[in-house]
């Protein structure tokens, strides 16, 4: 999922450089949502992965 986030960030940067503001904003929004989903899943996996002895 982090790979998709990086892909959309790169797409947003390239679209912003080329002057496609709407596409850049859309790609940046998707990247932001994917990044937060990744963070939530990562924290859940850290918390549930710990085993108490």
C-alpha atoms as a PDB file:
ATOM      1  CA  UNK A   1       0.000   0.000   0.000  1.00  0.00           C
ATOM      2  CA  UNK A   2       2.912   2.302   0.666  1.00  0.00           C
ATOM      3  CA  UNK A   3       4.088   1.674  -2.893  1.00  0.00           C
ATOM      4  CA  UNK A   4       0.731   2.962  -4.235  1.00  0.00           C
ATOM      5  CA  UNK A   5       1.066   6.059  -2.055  1.00  0.00           C
ATOM      6  CA  UNK A   6       4.503   6.810  -3.455  1.00  0.00           C
ATOM      7  CA  UNK A   7       3.201   6.228  -6.992  1.00  0.00           C
ATOM      8  CA  UNK A   8       0.376   8.738  -6.543  1.00  0.00           C
ATOM      9  CA  UNK A   9       2.723  11.298  -4.958  1.00  0.00           C
ATOM     10  CA  UNK A  10       5.076  11.044  -7.929  1.00  0.00           C
ATOM     11  CA  UNK A  11       2.115  11.313 -10.306  1.00  0.00           C
ATOM     12  CA  UNK A  12       0.910  14.427  -8.464  1.00  0.00           C
ATOM     13  CA  UNK A  13       4.363  16.031  -8.652  1.00  0.00           C
ATOM     14  CA  UNK A  14       4.705  15.337 -12.383  1.00  0.00           C
ATOM     15  CA  UNK A  15       1.178  16.574 -13.096  1.00  0.00           C
ATOM     16  CA  UNK A  16       1.840  19.713 -11.044  1.00  0.00           C
ATOM     17  CA  UNK A  17       5.040  20.441 -12.944  1.00  0.00           C
ATOM     18  CA  UNK A  18       3.270  20.000 -16.288  1.00  0.00           C
ATOM     19  CA  UNK A  19       0.448  22.308 -15.235  1.00  0.00           C
ATOM     20  CA  UNK A  20      -2.377  19.826 -14.736  1.00  0.00           C
ATOM     21  CA  UNK A  21      -3.678  21.229 -11.451  1.00  0.00           C
ATOM     22  CA  UNK A  22      -6.848  19.156 -11.204  1.00  0.00           C
ATOM     23  CA  UNK A  23      -5.090  15.867 -11.827  1.00  0.00           C
ATOM     24  CA  UNK A  24      -2.326  16.819  -9.401  1.00  0.00           C
ATOM     25  CA  UNK A  25      -4.837  17.652  -6.671  1.00  0.00           C
ATOM     26  CA  UNK A  26      -6.715  14.404  -7.238  1.00  0.00           C
ATOM     27  CA  UNK A  27      -3.572  12.293  -7.144  1.00  0.00           C
ATOM     28  CA  UNK A  28      -2.344  14.078  -4.020  1.00  0.00           C
ATOM     29  CA  UNK A  29      -5.701  13.479  -2.317  1.00  0.00           C
ATOM     30  CA  UNK A  30      -5.614   9.782  -3.160  1.00  0.00           C
ATOM     31  CA  UNK A  31      -2.026   9.544  -1.933  1.00  0.00           C
ATOM     32  CA  UNK A  32      -2.977  11.195   1.356  1.00  0.00           C
ATOM     33  CA  UNK A  33      -5.874   8.789   1.938  1.00  0.00           C
ATOM     34  CA  UNK A  34      -3.746   5.746   1.100  1.00  0.00           C
ATOM     35  CA  UNK A  35      -0.980   6.944   3.409  1.00  0.00           C
ATOM     36  CA  UNK A  36      -3.342   7.313   6.367  1.00  0.00           C
ATOM     37  CA  UNK A  37      -4.837   3.877   5.698  1.00  0.00           C
ATOM     38  CA  UNK A  38      -1.301   2.483   5.623  1.00  0.00           C
ATOM     39  CA  UNK A  39      -0.480   4.157   8.941  1.00  0.00           C
ATOM     40  CA  UNK A  40      -3.605   2.801  10.634  1.00  0.00           C
ATOM     41  CA  UNK A  41      -2.953  -0.737   9.391  1.00  0.00           C
ATOM     42  CA  UNK A  42       0.700  -0.497  10.430  1.00  0.00           C
ATOM     43  CA  UNK A  43      -0.177   0.593  13.971  1.00  0.00           C
ATOM     44  CA  UNK A  44      -2.806  -2.145  14.259  1.00  0.00           C
ATOM     45  CA  UNK A  45      -0.302  -4.747  13.144  1.00  0.00           C
ATOM     46  CA  UNK A  46       2.264  -3.477  15.655  1.00  0.00           C
ATOM     47  CA  UNK A  47      -0.197  -3.585  18.530  1.00  0.00           C
ATOM     48  CA  UNK A  48      -1.708  -6.972  17.663  1.00  0.00           C
ATOM     49  CA  UNK A  49       1.676  -8.509  16.845  1.00  0.00           C
ATOM     50  CA  UNK A  50       3.008  -8.226  20.386  1.00  0.00           C
ATOM     51  CA  UNK A  51       2.718 -11.394  22.397  1.00  0.00           C
ATOM     52  CA  UNK A  52       2.579 -11.280  26.160  1.00  0.00           C
ATOM     53  CA  UNK A  53       4.404 -13.973  28.030  1.00  0.00           C
END
